[in-house]
C-alpha atoms as a PDB file:
ATOM      1  CA  MET A   1       6.360   1.557  11.989  1.00  0.00           C
ATOM      2  CA  LYS A   2       7.367  -1.428  14.105  1.00  0.00           C
ATOM      3  CA  GLN A   3       4.691  -0.545  16.638  1.00  0.00           C
ATOM      4  CA  LEU A   4       2.126  -0.621  13.829  1.00  0.00           C
ATOM      5  CA  PHE A   5       3.515  -3.911  12.512  1.00  0.00           C
ATOM      6  CA  SER A   6       3.328  -5.519  15.937  1.00  0.00           C
ATOM      7  CA  LYS A   7      -0.456  -5.063  15.964  1.00  0.00           C
ATOM      8  CA  THR A   8      -1.035  -6.969  12.731  1.00  0.00           C
ATOM      9  CA  THR A   9      -2.464 -10.479  12.760  1.00  0.00           C
ATOM     10  CA  LEU A  10       0.412 -11.545  10.505  1.00  0.00           C
ATOM     11  CA  CYS A  11       3.196 -10.569  12.903  1.00  0.00           C
ATOM     12  CA  ARG A  12       1.351 -11.989  15.880  1.00  0.00           C
ATOM     13  CA  ALA A  13       0.846 -15.290  14.069  1.00  0.00           C
ATOM     14  CA  ILE A  14       4.519 -15.566  13.092  1.00  0.00           C
ATOM     15  CA  ALA A  15       5.660 -14.726  16.610  1.00  0.00           C
ATOM     16  CA  ALA A  16       3.375 -17.415  18.039  1.00  0.00           C
ATOM     17  CA  ASP A  17       4.177 -20.148  15.516  1.00  0.00           C
ATOM     18  CA  PRO A  18       6.793 -19.278  12.842  1.00  0.00           C
ATOM     19  CA  GLY A  19       6.902 -22.667  11.132  1.00  0.00           C
ATOM     20  CA  GLY A  20       3.158 -23.206  11.185  1.00  0.00           C
ATOM     21  CA  THR A  21       2.467 -19.711   9.892  1.00  0.00           C
ATOM     22  CA  PHE A  22       4.928 -19.893   7.037  1.00  0.00           C
ATOM     23  CA  SER A  23       4.048 -23.343   5.693  1.00  0.00           C
ATOM     24  CA  GLN A  24       7.148 -22.881   3.493  1.00  0.00           C
ATOM     25  CA  THR A  25       5.775 -20.322   0.987  1.00  0.00           C
ATOM     26  CA  VAL A  26       3.827 -17.244   2.106  1.00  0.00           C
ATOM     27  CA  LEU A  27       2.537 -14.238   0.164  1.00  0.00           C
ATOM     28  CA  VAL A  28       2.038 -11.019   2.141  1.00  0.00           C
ATOM     29  CA  LEU A  29      -0.260  -8.403   0.608  1.00  0.00           C
ATOM     30  CA  PHE A  30       0.356  -4.924   2.027  1.00  0.00           C
ATOM     31  CA  SER A  31      -0.922  -1.753   0.366  1.00  0.00           C
ATOM     32  CA  ASP A  32       1.927   0.422   1.687  1.00  0.00           C
ATOM     33  CA  LYS A  33       4.538  -0.219  -1.002  1.00  0.00           C
ATOM     34  CA  GLN A  34       7.093   2.100   0.598  1.00  0.00           C
ATOM     35  CA  ASN A  35       6.979   0.186   3.877  1.00  0.00           C
ATOM     36  CA  LEU A  36       6.594  -3.298   2.426  1.00  0.00           C
ATOM     37  CA  ARG A  37      10.287  -4.169   2.763  1.00  0.00           C
ATOM     38  CA  PRO A  38      10.442  -3.081   6.439  1.00  0.00           C
ATOM     39  CA  LEU A  39       7.363  -5.224   7.136  1.00  0.00           C
ATOM     40  CA  LEU A  40       8.944  -8.242   5.434  1.00  0.00           C
ATOM     41  CA  LYS A  41      12.130  -7.779   7.473  1.00  0.00           C
ATOM     42  CA  GLU A  42      10.093  -7.592  10.675  1.00  0.00           C
ATOM     43  CA  CYS A  43       8.404 -10.861   9.658  1.00  0.00           C
ATOM     44  CA  ALA A  44      11.854 -12.348   9.016  1.00  0.00           C
ATOM     45  CA  ARG A  45      13.076 -11.305  12.474  1.00  0.00           C
ATOM     46  CA  LEU A  46      10.071 -12.984  14.074  1.00  0.00           C
ATOM     47  CA  PHE A  47      10.520 -16.041  11.855  1.00  0.00           C
ATOM     48  CA  PHE A  48      14.051 -16.540  13.183  1.00  0.00           C
ATOM     49  CA  GLY A  49      12.850 -15.941  16.747  1.00  0.00           C
ATOM     50  CA  ALA A  50      15.232 -13.012  17.195  1.00  0.00           C
ATOM     51  CA  LYS A  51      14.548 -10.334  19.766  1.00  0.00           C
ATOM     52  CA  GLU A  52      14.665  -6.734  18.651  1.00  0.00           C
ATOM     53  CA  GLY A  53      18.138  -5.349  19.324  1.00  0.00           C
ATOM     54  CA  SER A  54      19.744  -8.780  19.476  1.00  0.00           C
ATOM     55  CA  ARG A  55      22.650  -9.757  17.216  1.00  0.00           C
ATOM     56  CA  THR A  56      20.397 -11.720  14.863  1.00  0.00           C
ATOM     57  CA  GLY A  57      17.743  -9.013  14.969  1.00  0.00           C
ATOM     58  CA  ASP A  58      20.279  -6.342  14.019  1.00  0.00           C
ATOM     59  CA  LEU A  59      21.704  -8.482  11.202  1.00  0.00           C
ATOM     60  CA  VAL A  60      18.209  -9.083   9.824  1.00  0.00           C
ATOM     61  CA  GLU A  61      17.480  -5.347   9.940  1.00  0.00           C
ATOM     62  CA  LYS A  62      20.696  -4.618   8.021  1.00  0.00           C
ATOM     63  CA  GLU A  63      20.029  -7.519   5.614  1.00  0.00           C
ATOM     64  CA  TRP A  64      23.316  -9.161   6.624  1.00  0.00           C
ATOM     65  CA  TYR A  65      22.034 -12.322   8.332  1.00  0.00           C
ATOM     66  CA  PRO A  66      23.510 -15.280   6.365  1.00  0.00           C
ATOM     67  CA  ASP A  67      20.340 -17.411   6.458  1.00  0.00           C
ATOM     68  CA  LEU A  68      18.200 -14.541   5.163  1.00  0.00           C
ATOM     69  CA  LEU A  69      18.418 -13.671   1.481  1.00  0.00           C
ATOM     70  CA  ILE A  70      16.398 -10.686   0.255  1.00  0.00           C
ATOM     71  CA  PHE A  71      15.805 -10.076  -3.437  1.00  0.00           C
ATOM     72  CA  PRO A  72      16.002  -7.776  -5.309  1.00  0.00           C
ATOM     73  CA  GLU A  73      18.190  -4.931  -4.038  1.00  0.00           C
ATOM     74  CA  PRO A  74      16.275  -1.846  -2.823  1.00  0.00           C
ATOM     75  CA  GLU A  75      14.698   0.189  -5.646  1.00  0.00           C
ATOM     76  CA  LYS A  76      15.349  -2.595  -8.190  1.00  0.00           C
ATOM     77  CA  LYS A  77      13.183  -5.259  -9.832  1.00  0.00           C
ATOM     78  CA  LEU A  78      13.605  -9.011  -9.822  1.00  0.00           C
ATOM     79  CA  SER A  79      15.758 -10.180 -12.735  1.00  0.00           C
ATOM     80  CA  ALA A  80      16.625 -13.471 -14.419  1.00  0.00           C
ATOM     81  CA  GLU A  81      20.021 -13.347 -12.682  1.00  0.00           C
ATOM     82  CA  HIS A  82      18.267 -13.026  -9.323  1.00  0.00           C
ATOM     83  CA  CYS A  83      16.118 -16.064 -10.102  1.00  0.00           C
ATOM     84  CA  GLU A  84      19.157 -18.136 -11.007  1.00  0.00           C
ATOM     85  CA  LYS A  85      20.865 -17.171  -7.761  1.00  0.00           C
ATOM     86  CA  ILE A  86      17.737 -18.001  -5.753  1.00  0.00           C
ATOM     87  CA  VAL A  87      17.600 -21.474  -7.287  1.00  0.00           C
ATOM     88  CA  GLU A  88      21.310 -22.042  -6.602  1.00  0.00           C
ATOM     89  CA  GLU A  89      21.187 -20.739  -3.030  1.00  0.00           C
ATOM     90  CA  SER A  90      18.101 -22.797  -2.217  1.00  0.00           C
ATOM     91  CA  LEU A  91      20.197 -25.963  -2.645  1.00  0.00           C
ATOM     92  CA  LEU A  92      22.744 -24.890  -0.013  1.00  0.00           C
ATOM     93  CA  HIS A  93      22.345 -25.675   3.680  1.00  0.00           C
ATOM     94  CA  PRO A  94      21.637 -22.893   6.197  1.00  0.00           C
ATOM     95  CA  VAL A  95      24.767 -21.305   7.660  1.00  0.00           C
ATOM     96  CA  GLU A  96      23.856 -20.500  11.282  1.00  0.00           C
ATOM     97  CA  GLY A  97      20.579 -22.212  12.046  1.00  0.00           C
ATOM     98  CA  GLU A  98      18.282 -24.887  10.724  1.00  0.00           C
ATOM     99  CA  LYS A  99      16.197 -22.696   8.408  1.00  0.00           C
ATOM    100  CA  LYS A 100      16.888 -20.508   5.406  1.00  0.00           C
ATOM    101  CA  LEU A 101      14.465 -17.748   4.414  1.00  0.00           C
ATOM    102  CA  PHE A 102      14.198 -16.095   1.007  1.00  0.00           C
ATOM    103  CA  VAL A 103      12.350 -12.760   0.953  1.00  0.00           C
ATOM    104  CA  LEU A 104      11.150 -11.557  -2.451  1.00  0.00           C
ATOM    105  CA  ASP A 105      10.207  -7.897  -2.189  1.00  0.00           C
ATOM    106  CA  ASN A 106       7.688  -6.326  -4.615  1.00  0.00           C
ATOM    107  CA  PHE A 107       6.944  -9.702  -6.152  1.00  0.00           C
ATOM    108  CA  ASP A 108       4.023  -8.161  -8.073  1.00  0.00           C
ATOM    109  CA  ASP A 109       6.601  -6.159 -10.082  1.00  0.00           C
ATOM    110  CA  ALA A 110       8.199  -9.381 -11.354  1.00  0.00           C
ATOM    111  CA  THR A 111       7.346 -10.290 -14.938  1.00  0.00           C
ATOM    112  CA  PRO A 112       5.156 -13.350 -15.634  1.00  0.00           C
ATOM    113  CA  LEU A 113       8.206 -15.030 -17.159  1.00  0.00           C
ATOM    114  CA  LEU A 114      10.210 -14.664 -13.946  1.00  0.00           C
ATOM    115  CA  GLN A 115       7.288 -15.725 -11.758  1.00  0.00           C
ATOM    116  CA  ASN A 116       6.949 -18.870 -13.859  1.00  0.00           C
ATOM    117  CA  LYS A 117      10.685 -19.452 -13.582  1.00  0.00           C
ATOM    118  CA  LEU A 118      10.328 -19.722  -9.804  1.00  0.00           C
ATOM    119  CA  LEU A 119       6.995 -21.537  -9.795  1.00  0.00           C
ATOM    120  CA  LYS A 120       8.245 -25.083  -9.153  1.00  0.00           C
ATOM    121  CA  LEU A 121      10.633 -23.913  -6.427  1.00  0.00           C
ATOM    122  CA  LEU A 122       7.846 -21.974  -4.690  1.00  0.00           C
ATOM    123  CA  GLU A 123       5.571 -25.015  -4.913  1.00  0.00           C
ATOM    124  CA  GLU A 124       8.114 -27.512  -3.593  1.00  0.00           C
ATOM    125  CA  PRO A 125      10.957 -25.784  -1.743  1.00  0.00           C
ATOM    126  CA  PRO A 126      13.813 -27.938  -0.418  1.00  0.00           C
ATOM    127  CA  GLU A 127      13.576 -29.021   3.184  1.00  0.00           C
ATOM    128  CA  ASN A 128      14.158 -26.184   5.675  1.00  0.00           C
ATOM    129  CA  VAL A 129      13.906 -23.564   2.905  1.00  0.00           C
ATOM    130  CA  TYR A 130      11.133 -20.981   3.218  1.00  0.00           C
ATOM    131  CA  PHE A 131       9.864 -18.204   0.955  1.00  0.00           C
ATOM    132  CA  LEU A 132       8.243 -14.926   1.954  1.00  0.00           C
ATOM    133  CA  LEU A 133       6.814 -12.988  -0.986  1.00  0.00           C
ATOM    134  CA  GLY A 134       5.688  -9.388  -0.609  1.00  0.00           C
ATOM    135  CA  ALA A 135       3.275  -7.557  -2.902  1.00  0.00           C
ATOM    136  CA  GLU A 136       1.222  -4.387  -2.855  1.00  0.00           C
ATOM    137  CA  SER A 137      -1.702  -6.266  -4.406  1.00  0.00           C
ATOM    138  CA  GLU A 138      -2.358  -9.670  -5.921  1.00  0.00           C
ATOM    139  CA  TYR A 139      -3.537  -8.369  -9.308  1.00  0.00           C
ATOM    140  CA  ALA A 140      -0.141  -8.803 -10.970  1.00  0.00           C
ATOM    141  CA  VAL A 141       0.678 -12.122  -9.284  1.00  0.00           C
ATOM    142  CA  LEU A 142       0.040 -15.112 -11.559  1.00  0.00           C
ATOM    143  CA  PRO A 143      -2.940 -17.325 -10.600  1.00  0.00           C
ATOM    144  CA  THR A 144      -0.601 -20.328 -10.715  1.00  0.00           C
ATOM    145  CA  VAL A 145       1.541 -18.689  -8.034  1.00  0.00           C
ATOM    146  CA  LEU A 146      -1.468 -17.639  -5.942  1.00  0.00           C
ATOM    147  CA  SER A 147      -2.730 -21.232  -5.932  1.00  0.00           C
ATOM    148  CA  ARG A 148       0.551 -22.457  -4.446  1.00  0.00           C
ATOM    149  CA  VAL A 149       1.098 -20.002  -1.597  1.00  0.00           C
ATOM    150  CA  LYS A 150      -0.386 -19.290   1.788  1.00  0.00           C
ATOM    151  CA  LYS A 151      -1.752 -15.752   1.540  1.00  0.00           C
ATOM    152  CA  PHE A 152      -1.918 -13.099   4.252  1.00  0.00           C
ATOM    153  CA  SER A 153      -3.564  -9.726   3.628  1.00  0.00           C
ATOM    154  CA  VAL A 154      -2.535  -6.941   5.990  1.00  0.00           C
ATOM    155  CA  PRO A 155      -5.530  -4.568   6.133  1.00  0.00           C
ATOM    156  CA  PRO A 156      -5.154  -0.782   6.232  1.00  0.00           C
ATOM    157  CA  PHE A 157      -4.477   0.625   9.671  1.00  0.00           C
ATOM    158  CA  ALA A 158      -7.122   2.554  11.584  1.00  0.00           C
ATOM    159  CA  GLU A 159      -6.965   6.345  11.375  1.00  0.00           C
ATOM    160  CA  GLU A 160      -6.121   6.650  15.061  1.00  0.00           C
ATOM    161  CA  GLU A 161      -3.226   4.188  14.624  1.00  0.00           C
ATOM    162  CA  ILE A 162      -1.838   6.196  11.698  1.00  0.00           C
ATOM    163  CA  GLU A 163      -2.246   9.450  13.600  1.00  0.00           C
ATOM    164  CA  GLY A 164      -0.472   7.978  16.623  1.00  0.00           C
ATOM    165  CA  ALA A 165       2.414   6.744  14.454  1.00  0.00           C
ATOM    166  CA  LEU A 166       2.783  10.188  12.855  1.00  0.00           C
ATOM    167  CA  LYS A 167       2.855  11.859  16.252  1.00  0.00           C
ATOM    168  CA  ARG A 168       5.513   9.436  17.486  1.00  0.00           C
ATOM    169  CA  LYS A 169       7.708   9.988  14.447  1.00  0.00           C
ATOM    170  CA  TYR A 170       7.288  13.764  14.284  1.00  0.00           C
ATOM    171  CA  GLN A 171       7.054  14.528  17.977  1.00  0.00           C
ATOM    172  CA  GLY A 172       8.421  17.956  18.767  1.00  0.00           C
ATOM    173  CA  THR A 173       7.999  19.293  15.214  1.00  0.00           C
ATOM    174  CA  GLU A 174       5.911  22.251  14.082  1.00  0.00           C
ATOM    175  CA  TYR A 175       2.985  20.118  12.888  1.00  0.00           C
ATOM    176  CA  SER A 176      -0.325  20.668  14.655  1.00  0.00           C
ATOM    177  CA  LYS A 177      -2.831  18.120  15.925  1.00  0.00           C
ATOM    178  CA  GLU A 178      -5.167  19.104  13.101  1.00  0.00           C
ATOM    179  CA  GLU A 179      -2.476  18.438  10.479  1.00  0.00           C
ATOM    180  CA  PHE A 180      -1.765  15.003  11.945  1.00  0.00           C
ATOM    181  CA  SER A 181      -5.486  14.224  11.973  1.00  0.00           C
ATOM    182  CA  LEU A 182      -6.056  15.424   8.407  1.00  0.00           C
ATOM    183  CA  ALA A 183      -3.112  13.453   7.022  1.00  0.00           C
ATOM    184  CA  ALA A 184      -4.261  10.308   8.829  1.00  0.00           C
ATOM    185  CA  SER A 185      -7.877  10.630   7.695  1.00  0.00           C
ATOM    186  CA  ALA A 186      -6.849  11.113   4.049  1.00  0.00           C
ATOM    187  CA  SER A 187      -4.357   8.254   4.015  1.00  0.00           C
ATOM    188  CA  GLY A 188      -6.747   5.363   3.582  1.00  0.00           C
ATOM    189  CA  GLY A 189      -4.896   3.579   6.386  1.00  0.00           C
ATOM    190  CA  VAL A 190      -1.538   3.698   4.561  1.00  0.00           C
ATOM    191  CA  PHE A 191       1.256   5.228   6.643  1.00  0.00           C
ATOM    192  CA  SER A 192       3.505   6.346   3.765  1.00  0.00           C
ATOM    193  CA  ILE A 193       0.585   8.217   2.176  1.00  0.00           C
ATOM    194  CA  ALA A 194      -0.207   9.933   5.480  1.00  0.00           C
ATOM    195  CA  GLU A 195       3.450  10.894   5.848  1.00  0.00           C
ATOM    196  CA  LYS A 196       3.656  12.356   2.340  1.00  0.00           C
ATOM    197  CA  LEU A 197       0.421  14.269   2.841  1.00  0.00           C
ATOM    198  CA  LEU A 198       1.753  15.653   6.112  1.00  0.00           C
ATOM    199  CA  LEU A 199       5.091  16.703   4.609  1.00  0.00           C
ATOM    200  CA  GLY A 200       3.837  17.732   1.190  1.00  0.00           C
ATOM    201  CA  GLY A 201       1.834  20.747   2.191  1.00  0.00           C
ATOM    202  CA  GLY A 202      -1.451  19.544   0.745  1.00  0.00           C
ATOM    203  CA  GLU A 203      -0.482  19.499  -2.940  1.00  0.00           C
ATOM    204  CA  GLU A 204      -2.526  16.352  -3.553  1.00  0.00           C
ATOM    205  CA  HIS A 205      -5.620  17.918  -1.988  1.00  0.00           C
ATOM    206  CA  ARG A 206      -5.311  21.008  -4.175  1.00  0.00           C
ATOM    207  CA  LEU A 207      -4.966  18.828  -7.264  1.00  0.00           C
ATOM    208  CA  ALA A 208      -7.861  16.616  -6.172  1.00  0.00           C
ATOM    209  CA  GLN A 209     -10.136  19.596  -5.640  1.00  0.00           C
ATOM    210  CA  THR A 210      -9.270  20.998  -9.068  1.00  0.00           C
ATOM    211  CA  PHE A 211      -9.997  17.613 -10.614  1.00  0.00           C
ATOM    212  CA  LEU A 212     -13.339  17.158  -8.848  1.00  0.00           C
ATOM    213  CA  LEU A 213     -14.469  20.626  -9.894  1.00  0.00           C
ATOM    214  CA  GLY A 214     -13.795  19.650 -13.503  1.00  0.00           C
ATOM    215  CA  GLU A 215     -11.640  22.659 -14.349  1.00  0.00           C
ATOM    216  CA  ASN A 216      -9.779  22.339 -17.703  1.00  0.00           C
ATOM    217  CA  ILE A 217     -10.023  18.590 -17.320  1.00  0.00           C
ATOM    218  CA  GLU A 218      -8.372  17.555 -20.601  1.00  0.00           C
ATOM    219  CA  SER A 219      -5.220  19.590 -20.009  1.00  0.00           C
ATOM    220  CA  PHE A 220      -5.267  18.576 -16.320  1.00  0.00           C
ATOM    221  CA  CYS A 221      -5.215  14.861 -17.215  1.00  0.00           C
ATOM    222  CA  ARG A 222      -2.486  15.341 -19.808  1.00  0.00           C
ATOM    223  CA  GLY A 223      -0.403  17.173 -17.228  1.00  0.00           C
ATOM    224  CA  MET A 224      -0.734  14.213 -14.825  1.00  0.00           C
ATOM    225  CA  ASP A 225       0.886  11.808 -17.316  1.00  0.00           C
ATOM    226  CA  LYS A 226       4.153  11.520 -15.376  1.00  0.00           C
ATOM    227  CA  TYR A 227       2.740  12.253 -11.937  1.00  0.00           C
ATOM    228  CA  GLN A 228       4.387   9.986  -9.356  1.00  0.00           C
ATOM    229  CA  ASN A 229       2.210  10.271  -6.243  1.00  0.00           C
ATOM    230  CA  LYS A 230      -0.748   8.349  -7.648  1.00  0.00           C
ATOM    231  CA  SER A 231      -1.754   6.694  -4.365  1.00  0.00           C
ATOM    232  CA  GLU A 232      -1.690  10.039  -2.548  1.00  0.00           C
ATOM    233  CA  PHE A 233      -3.832  11.642  -5.259  1.00  0.00           C
ATOM    234  CA  PHE A 234      -6.469   8.908  -5.052  1.00  0.00           C
ATOM    235  CA  ALA A 235      -6.408   9.136  -1.243  1.00  0.00           C
ATOM    236  CA  ALA A 236      -7.038  12.889  -1.470  1.00  0.00           C
ATOM    237  CA  LEU A 237      -9.953  12.337  -3.882  1.00  0.00           C
ATOM    238  CA  LYS A 238     -11.577   9.875  -1.499  1.00  0.00           C
ATOM    239  CA  SER A 239     -10.985  12.131   1.492  1.00  0.00           C
ATOM    240  CA  LEU A 240     -12.592  15.138  -0.204  1.00  0.00           C
ATOM    241  CA  LEU A 241     -15.587  13.130  -1.406  1.00  0.00           C
ATOM    242  CA  ARG A 242     -16.077  11.702   2.065  1.00  0.00           C
ATOM    243  CA  ASP A 243     -16.144  15.198   3.570  1.00  0.00           C
ATOM    244  CA  VAL A 244     -18.616  16.354   0.910  1.00  0.00           C
ATOM    245  CA  ILE A 245     -20.882  13.432   1.815  1.00  0.00           C
ATOM    246  CA  PHE A 246     -20.813  14.522   5.470  1.00  0.00           C
ATOM    247  CA  VAL A 247     -21.648  18.126   4.567  1.00  0.00           C
ATOM    248  CA  ARG A 248     -24.462  17.214   2.175  1.00  0.00           C
ATOM    249  CA  ALA A 249     -25.907  14.874   4.805  1.00  0.00           C
ATOM    250  CA  GLY A 250     -25.949  17.692   7.363  1.00  0.00           C
ATOM    251  CA  GLU A 251     -23.115  16.150   9.376  1.00  0.00           C
ATOM    252  CA  GLY A 252     -20.348  18.616   8.527  1.00  0.00           C
ATOM    253  CA  LYS A 253     -19.021  18.354  12.071  1.00  0.00           C
ATOM    254  CA  PHE A 254     -17.543  14.956  11.143  1.00  0.00           C
ATOM    255  CA  ALA A 255     -15.659  16.323   8.135  1.00  0.00           C
ATOM    256  CA  ASP A 256     -11.927  16.955   8.439  1.00  0.00           C
ATOM    257  CA  ARG A 257     -12.200  20.337   6.700  1.00  0.00           C
ATOM    258  CA  ARG A 258     -14.339  23.322   7.568  1.00  0.00           C
ATOM    259  CA  GLU A 259     -17.554  23.570   5.576  1.00  0.00           C
ATOM    260  CA  ALA A 260     -16.372  26.859   4.081  1.00  0.00           C
ATOM    261  CA  GLU A 261     -13.424  25.038   2.505  1.00  0.00           C
ATOM    262  CA  LEU A 262     -15.818  22.538   0.965  1.00  0.00           C
ATOM    263  CA  SER A 263     -18.440  25.011  -0.250  1.00  0.00           C
ATOM    264  CA  ALA A 264     -17.492  24.848  -3.951  1.00  0.00           C
ATOM    265  CA  LEU A 265     -17.441  21.057  -3.960  1.00  0.00           C
ATOM    266  CA  SER A 266     -20.632  20.790  -1.918  1.00  0.00           C
ATOM    267  CA  ARG A 267     -22.457  22.885  -4.505  1.00  0.00           C
ATOM    268  CA  GLU A 268     -21.234  20.585  -7.274  1.00  0.00           C
ATOM    269  CA  PHE A 269     -22.108  17.247  -5.690  1.00  0.00           C
ATOM    270  CA  GLU A 270     -25.334  15.847  -4.336  1.00  0.00           C
ATOM    271  CA  ALA A 271     -24.742  13.307  -1.553  1.00  0.00           C
ATOM    272  CA  GLY A 272     -25.715  10.431  -3.849  1.00  0.00           C
ATOM    273  CA  ALA A 273     -23.382  11.704  -6.560  1.00  0.00           C
ATOM    274  CA  ALA A 274     -20.466  11.885  -4.115  1.00  0.00           C
ATOM    275  CA  ILE A 275     -21.119   8.303  -2.991  1.00  0.00           C
ATOM    276  CA  ALA A 276     -21.312   7.051  -6.586  1.00  0.00           C
ATOM    277  CA  CYS A 277     -18.149   8.963  -7.486  1.00  0.00           C
ATOM    278  CA  MET A 278     -16.333   7.407  -4.547  1.00  0.00           C
ATOM    279  CA  GLU A 279     -17.012   3.984  -6.086  1.00  0.00           C
ATOM    280  CA  ARG A 280     -15.679   5.220  -9.431  1.00  0.00           C
ATOM    281  CA  VAL A 281     -12.498   6.434  -7.741  1.00  0.00           C
ATOM    282  CA  PHE A 282     -11.957   2.995  -6.184  1.00  0.00           C
ATOM    283  CA  GLU A 283     -12.384   1.376  -9.597  1.00  0.00           C
ATOM    284  CA  ALA A 284      -9.972   3.802 -11.291  1.00  0.00           C
ATOM    285  CA  GLU A 285      -7.392   3.182  -8.575  1.00  0.00           C
ATOM    286  CA  LYS A 286      -7.698  -0.566  -9.136  1.00  0.00           C
ATOM    287  CA  GLN A 287      -7.172  -0.110 -12.886  1.00  0.00           C
ATOM    288  CA  VAL A 288      -4.038   1.949 -12.302  1.00  0.00           C
ATOM    289  CA  ARG A 289      -2.712  -0.823 -10.060  1.00  0.00           C
ATOM    290  CA  PHE A 290      -3.248  -3.120 -13.034  1.00  0.00           C
ATOM    291  CA  ASN A 291      -0.782  -0.827 -14.842  1.00  0.00           C
ATOM    292  CA  ALA A 292      -3.416   1.049 -16.847  1.00  0.00           C
ATOM    293  CA  ASN A 293      -2.311   4.454 -18.177  1.00  0.00           C
ATOM    294  CA  PHE A 294      -2.777   7.001 -15.396  1.00  0.00           C
ATOM    295  CA  SER A 295      -3.828   9.946 -17.592  1.00  0.00           C
ATOM    296  CA  SER A 296      -6.316   7.845 -19.543  1.00  0.00           C
ATOM    297  CA  CYS A 297      -7.836   6.467 -16.331  1.00  0.00           C
ATOM    298  CA  LEU A 298      -8.148   9.964 -14.910  1.00  0.00           C
ATOM    299  CA  TYR A 299      -9.881  11.226 -18.027  1.00  0.00           C
ATOM    300  CA  ALA A 300     -12.332   8.301 -17.985  1.00  0.00           C
ATOM    301  CA  LEU A 301     -12.887   8.944 -14.270  1.00  0.00           C
ATOM    302  CA  ALA A 302     -13.542  12.632 -14.938  1.00  0.00           C
ATOM    303  CA  LEU A 303     -16.179  11.748 -17.538  1.00  0.00           C
ATOM    304  CA  GLY A 304     -17.773   9.323 -15.088  1.00  0.00           C
ATOM    305  CA  ILE A 305     -17.826  11.954 -12.346  1.00  0.00           C
ATOM    306  CA  LYS A 306     -19.446  14.458 -14.708  1.00  0.00           C
ATOM    307  CA  GLU A 307     -22.090  11.888 -15.611  1.00  0.00           C
ATOM    308  CA  GLU A 308     -22.851  11.148 -11.948  1.00  0.00           C
ATOM    309  CA  LYS A 309     -23.139  14.838 -11.089  1.00  0.00           C
ATOM    310  CA  GLU A 310     -25.563  15.487 -13.948  1.00  0.00           C
ATOM    311  CA  THR A 311     -27.634  12.387 -13.171  1.00  0.00           C
ATOM    312  CA  TRP A 312     -28.064  13.234  -9.512  1.00  0.00           C
ATOM    313  CA  LYS A 313     -28.863  16.884 -10.223  1.00  0.00           C
ATOM    314  CA  ARG A 314     -31.701  15.760 -12.495  1.00  0.00           C
ATOM    315  CA  LEU A 315     -32.981  13.485  -9.732  1.00  0.00           C
ATOM    316  CA  SER A 316     -32.866  16.134  -7.007  1.00  0.00           C
END
């Protein structure tokens, strides 16, 4: 992942001018929630000017560097107790250097109450105190917070970059070039999604195909109520629709799957319908990120897809 991080505008900017880039409070938007914390730690290493493998670099990686405070603990959410400790610690001088950095991971999971609790501190941090906030998206971050931070959006990685990262990580394994390519193309530029698709044996693609074909849709949506891999499922939907668009446009050679594998879907979707449905998938994904009920969104999406298919068949 560090090789991917090093190519981002964010990391290059911090390496070139840490103080100027940070401007005391920075919000990093990164769609790969699983790798958000590693990205924030890489930003922290660059912020402190530490070389990879150095003492400071190793301490930052292990979250032991005294002038770096990361909240909350892995797999937990920010709490009122965390906020109180952040306020208290912000008043103390740095231990080793001249700067103290607070990293708030998954800030978009923090409640509005807690975000407001930190608002004044984020707006006017003490001298030599910096804040680095990480979020998957800005939808759940309060507008009052957004207006007080310097925002950096890390765009999705290119397919070839994702594929290269998968090959580096899984070099010497049984996975084929085609499997690496398929996982990368379906990932939407998100490494953790590509990795899960590679390791998961294509479950999301099978579910996505069933969904797009509209088979037993009510029971299907109810059964997805507690489904965890939402991002992977949406990525598989978009990947399948993209391949259908290629096939219907007579450009099946650019699809990641053989045309025979897409025959059932290609019969169901006109090219225009597949394009319109792609937009509906993007909208449903955005709603789920806003914490909308997953099953309800899927059912509404299924109805929208059915409507698009019928409309475009009438037009053809």
